[in-house]
Amino acid sequence: MDLSKSNVLFLDFDGVLNNTKFLKEQAAKINAGEKYDHWKHMLDPVAVCLLASVVHKHDLHICISSSWRLMLTGAGTEWPLSL
């Protein structure tokens, strides 16, 4: 993919796709017995939808500039955001 003439969004997940309020709500669900699902409990679906709308509106490519990129590399890794 040639990105020389592309719009690139450098994305850090923490504080962008989740926040303290959301994470506290998810922790309460887990403590109440809900089965833990990493993507469901770590990524705020409202924030993901907002990100998706910006990505599509501006035809952006995403460069993950977060330690989360280490979890999203390797064969068989699926992008959980459905962007």
N, C-alpha and C. Protein backbone atom coordinates (compact mmCIF):
# COMPACT_ATOMS: atom_id res chain seq x y z
N MET A 1 0.84 -1.17 0.00
CA MET A 1 0.00 0.00 0.00
C MET A 1 0.89 1.24 0.00
N ASP A 2 0.68 2.12 -0.95
CA ASP A 2 1.44 3.36 -1.04
C ASP A 2 0.74 4.44 -0.22
N LEU A 3 1.36 4.85 0.87
CA LEU A 3 0.77 5.86 1.74
C LEU A 3 1.34 7.25 1.50
N SER A 4 2.12 7.42 0.44
CA SER A 4 2.79 8.70 0.21
C SER A 4 1.80 9.84 -0.02
N LYS A 5 0.59 9.55 -0.50
CA LYS A 5 -0.41 10.60 -0.74
C LYS A 5 -1.69 10.30 0.03
N SER A 6 -1.55 9.64 1.15
CA SER A 6 -2.71 9.24 1.94
C SER A 6 -2.81 10.07 3.21
N ASN A 7 -4.02 10.11 3.73
CA ASN A 7 -4.26 10.71 5.04
C ASN A 7 -4.09 9.61 6.07
N VAL A 8 -3.21 9.84 7.02
CA VAL A 8 -2.92 8.83 8.03
C VAL A 8 -3.28 9.38 9.41
N LEU A 9 -4.00 8.59 10.17
CA LEU A 9 -4.35 8.93 11.55
C LEU A 9 -3.48 8.08 12.46
N PHE A 10 -2.66 8.73 13.29
CA PHE A 10 -1.85 8.02 14.26
C PHE A 10 -2.71 7.86 15.52
N LEU A 11 -3.02 6.63 15.86
CA LEU A 11 -4.01 6.35 16.89
C LEU A 11 -3.40 5.67 18.11
N ASP A 12 -3.61 6.29 19.26
CA ASP A 12 -3.31 5.67 20.55
C ASP A 12 -4.65 5.26 21.13
N PHE A 13 -4.80 4.04 21.57
CA PHE A 13 -6.11 3.54 22.03
C PHE A 13 -6.53 4.12 23.37
N ASP A 14 -5.63 4.09 24.35
CA ASP A 14 -5.99 4.50 25.71
C ASP A 14 -6.35 5.98 25.75
N GLY A 15 -7.54 6.25 26.27
CA GLY A 15 -8.04 7.61 26.33
C GLY A 15 -8.76 8.05 25.08
N VAL A 16 -8.65 7.27 24.01
CA VAL A 16 -9.33 7.56 22.75
C VAL A 16 -10.46 6.56 22.54
N LEU A 17 -10.14 5.29 22.60
CA LEU A 17 -11.15 4.24 22.41
C LEU A 17 -11.64 3.67 23.73
N ASN A 18 -11.15 4.21 24.81
CA ASN A 18 -11.68 3.89 26.13
C ASN A 18 -11.40 5.08 27.04
N ASN A 19 -12.01 5.09 28.19
CA ASN A 19 -11.80 6.17 29.15
C ASN A 19 -12.07 5.62 30.55
N THR A 20 -11.74 6.39 31.55
CA THR A 20 -11.85 5.91 32.92
C THR A 20 -13.28 5.49 33.27
N LYS A 21 -14.26 6.32 32.91
CA LYS A 21 -15.66 6.00 33.22
C LYS A 21 -16.06 4.67 32.57
N PHE A 22 -15.75 4.51 31.29
CA PHE A 22 -16.09 3.27 30.58
C PHE A 22 -15.42 2.07 31.22
N LEU A 23 -14.13 2.17 31.53
CA LEU A 23 -13.40 1.05 32.11
C LEU A 23 -13.93 0.68 33.49
N LYS A 24 -14.33 1.67 34.28
CA LYS A 24 -14.92 1.39 35.60
C LYS A 24 -16.25 0.65 35.44
N GLU A 25 -17.06 1.07 34.46
CA GLU A 25 -18.33 0.39 34.20
C GLU A 25 -18.09 -1.06 33.80
N GLN A 26 -17.08 -1.30 32.97
CA GLN A 26 -16.77 -2.65 32.52
C GLN A 26 -16.25 -3.51 33.67
N ALA A 27 -15.43 -2.91 34.53
CA ALA A 27 -14.91 -3.63 35.70
C ALA A 27 -16.05 -4.06 36.60
N ALA A 28 -17.05 -3.20 36.77
CA ALA A 28 -18.21 -3.54 37.60
C ALA A 28 -18.97 -4.72 37.01
N LYS A 29 -19.09 -4.76 35.68
CA LYS A 29 -19.78 -5.87 35.01
C LYS A 29 -19.03 -7.18 35.24
N ILE A 30 -17.71 -7.12 35.10
CA ILE A 30 -16.88 -8.31 35.29
C ILE A 30 -16.97 -8.78 36.75
N ASN A 31 -16.89 -7.83 37.67
CA ASN A 31 -16.99 -8.17 39.10
C ASN A 31 -18.35 -8.76 39.45
N ALA A 32 -19.37 -8.41 38.67
CA ALA A 32 -20.72 -8.94 38.90
C ALA A 32 -20.91 -10.30 38.24
N GLY A 33 -19.86 -10.80 37.58
CA GLY A 33 -19.92 -12.14 37.02
C GLY A 33 -19.99 -12.24 35.51
N GLU A 34 -20.00 -11.12 34.81
CA GLU A 34 -20.03 -11.19 33.35
C GLU A 34 -18.72 -11.78 32.85
N LYS A 35 -18.82 -12.70 31.88
CA LYS A 35 -17.62 -13.33 31.32
C LYS A 35 -16.77 -12.27 30.62
N TYR A 36 -15.48 -12.30 30.90
CA TYR A 36 -14.55 -11.31 30.36
C TYR A 36 -14.31 -11.54 28.87
N ASP A 37 -14.44 -10.48 28.10
CA ASP A 37 -14.13 -10.47 26.67
C ASP A 37 -13.25 -9.24 26.44
N HIS A 38 -11.99 -9.47 26.08
CA HIS A 38 -11.02 -8.37 26.00
C HIS A 38 -11.53 -7.19 25.20
N TRP A 39 -11.97 -7.41 23.97
CA TRP A 39 -12.37 -6.29 23.11
C TRP A 39 -13.64 -5.62 23.63
N LYS A 40 -14.58 -6.40 24.07
CA LYS A 40 -15.84 -5.84 24.57
C LYS A 40 -15.63 -4.99 25.81
N HIS A 41 -14.74 -5.42 26.68
CA HIS A 41 -14.56 -4.72 27.95
C HIS A 41 -13.45 -3.67 27.92
N MET A 42 -12.73 -3.56 26.84
CA MET A 42 -11.64 -2.59 26.77
C MET A 42 -11.87 -1.46 25.78
N LEU A 43 -12.77 -1.66 24.81
CA LEU A 43 -13.01 -0.65 23.79
C LEU A 43 -14.45 -0.16 23.86
N ASP A 44 -14.61 1.13 24.06
CA ASP A 44 -15.92 1.76 24.16
C ASP A 44 -16.58 1.78 22.78
N PRO A 45 -17.72 1.09 22.59
CA PRO A 45 -18.35 1.04 21.28
C PRO A 45 -18.76 2.41 20.74
N VAL A 46 -19.08 3.35 21.62
CA VAL A 46 -19.42 4.71 21.16
C VAL A 46 -18.19 5.37 20.55
N ALA A 47 -17.05 5.24 21.22
CA ALA A 47 -15.81 5.81 20.70
C ALA A 47 -15.39 5.14 19.40
N VAL A 48 -15.60 3.83 19.31
CA VAL A 48 -15.26 3.11 18.08
C VAL A 48 -16.12 3.60 16.92
N CYS A 49 -17.41 3.82 17.16
CA CYS A 49 -18.30 4.33 16.11
C CYS A 49 -17.89 5.73 15.66
N LEU A 50 -17.53 6.57 16.62
CA LEU A 50 -17.06 7.91 16.26
C LEU A 50 -15.78 7.85 15.43
N LEU A 51 -14.86 6.98 15.84
CA LEU A 51 -13.63 6.80 15.08
C LEU A 51 -13.94 6.32 13.67
N ALA A 52 -14.83 5.35 13.55
CA ALA A 52 -15.18 4.81 12.23
C ALA A 52 -15.76 5.90 11.33
N SER A 53 -16.59 6.77 11.88
CA SER A 53 -17.19 7.82 11.05
C SER A 53 -16.12 8.80 10.56
N VAL A 54 -15.16 9.14 11.42
CA VAL A 54 -14.08 10.04 11.01
C VAL A 54 -13.20 9.37 9.96
N VAL A 55 -12.88 8.10 10.16
CA VAL A 55 -12.03 7.36 9.22
C VAL A 55 -12.68 7.31 7.84
N HIS A 56 -13.97 7.01 7.81
CA HIS A 56 -14.67 6.92 6.53
C HIS A 56 -14.88 8.28 5.89
N LYS A 57 -15.23 9.28 6.67
CA LYS A 57 -15.48 10.62 6.14
C LYS A 57 -14.24 11.21 5.48
N HIS A 58 -13.08 10.96 6.08
CA HIS A 58 -11.84 11.56 5.60
C HIS A 58 -10.93 10.57 4.87
N ASP A 59 -11.43 9.37 4.63
CA ASP A 59 -10.67 8.34 3.91
C ASP A 59 -9.28 8.15 4.52
N LEU A 60 -9.27 7.85 5.81
CA LEU A 60 -8.02 7.73 6.55
C LEU A 60 -7.50 6.30 6.61
N HIS A 61 -6.20 6.20 6.72
CA HIS A 61 -5.53 4.96 7.07
C HIS A 61 -5.10 5.12 8.52
N ILE A 62 -5.11 4.04 9.26
CA ILE A 62 -4.76 4.11 10.68
C ILE A 62 -3.38 3.51 10.91
N CYS A 63 -2.56 4.26 11.63
CA CYS A 63 -1.28 3.77 12.13
C CYS A 63 -1.42 3.70 13.64
N ILE A 64 -1.36 2.51 14.19
CA ILE A 64 -1.53 2.35 15.63
C ILE A 64 -0.23 2.74 16.33
N SER A 65 -0.30 3.84 17.05
CA SER A 65 0.87 4.32 17.81
C SER A 65 0.58 4.12 19.29
N SER A 66 0.45 2.87 19.64
CA SER A 66 0.05 2.47 20.99
C SER A 66 0.69 1.14 21.31
N SER A 67 0.87 0.86 22.58
CA SER A 67 1.38 -0.46 22.94
C SER A 67 0.38 -1.55 22.56
N TRP A 68 -0.86 -1.17 22.28
CA TRP A 68 -1.87 -2.13 21.84
C TRP A 68 -1.47 -2.78 20.52
N ARG A 69 -0.64 -2.12 19.73
CA ARG A 69 -0.23 -2.68 18.44
C ARG A 69 0.42 -4.05 18.62
N LEU A 70 1.02 -4.27 19.79
CA LEU A 70 1.68 -5.55 20.05
C LEU A 70 0.66 -6.69 20.14
N MET A 71 -0.57 -6.37 20.53
CA MET A 71 -1.64 -7.38 20.60
C MET A 71 -2.30 -7.59 19.24
N LEU A 72 -2.05 -6.66 18.31
CA LEU A 72 -2.74 -6.71 17.02
C LEU A 72 -1.82 -7.13 15.88
N THR A 73 -0.70 -7.75 16.19
CA THR A 73 0.22 -8.20 15.16
C THR A 73 0.27 -9.71 15.14
N GLY A 74 0.68 -10.24 14.03
CA GLY A 74 0.84 -11.68 13.93
C GLY A 74 -0.23 -12.32 13.07
N ALA A 75 0.08 -13.46 12.59
CA ALA A 75 -0.85 -14.20 11.73
C ALA A 75 -2.12 -14.53 12.48
N GLY A 76 -3.25 -14.35 11.83
CA GLY A 76 -4.52 -14.72 12.41
C GLY A 76 -5.15 -13.65 13.29
N THR A 77 -4.46 -12.54 13.48
CA THR A 77 -5.02 -11.47 14.30
C THR A 77 -6.08 -10.74 13.51
N GLU A 78 -7.23 -10.59 14.10
CA GLU A 78 -8.31 -9.88 13.43
C GLU A 78 -8.45 -8.50 14.01
N TRP A 79 -8.71 -7.54 13.17
CA TRP A 79 -8.96 -6.17 13.60
C TRP A 79 -10.35 -6.13 14.22
N PRO A 80 -10.47 -5.81 15.51
CA PRO A 80 -11.74 -5.93 16.21
C PRO A 80 -12.71 -4.78 16.00
N LEU A 81 -12.30 -3.73 15.29
CA LEU A 81 -13.11 -2.53 15.25
C LEU A 81 -14.07 -2.44 14.08
N SER A 82 -13.96 -3.34 13.15
CA SER A 82 -14.86 -3.36 11.98
C SER A 82 -14.91 -2.00 11.29
N LEU A 83 -13.76 -1.41 11.08
CA LEU A 83 -13.71 -0.14 10.38
C LEU A 83 -13.65 -0.41 8.90
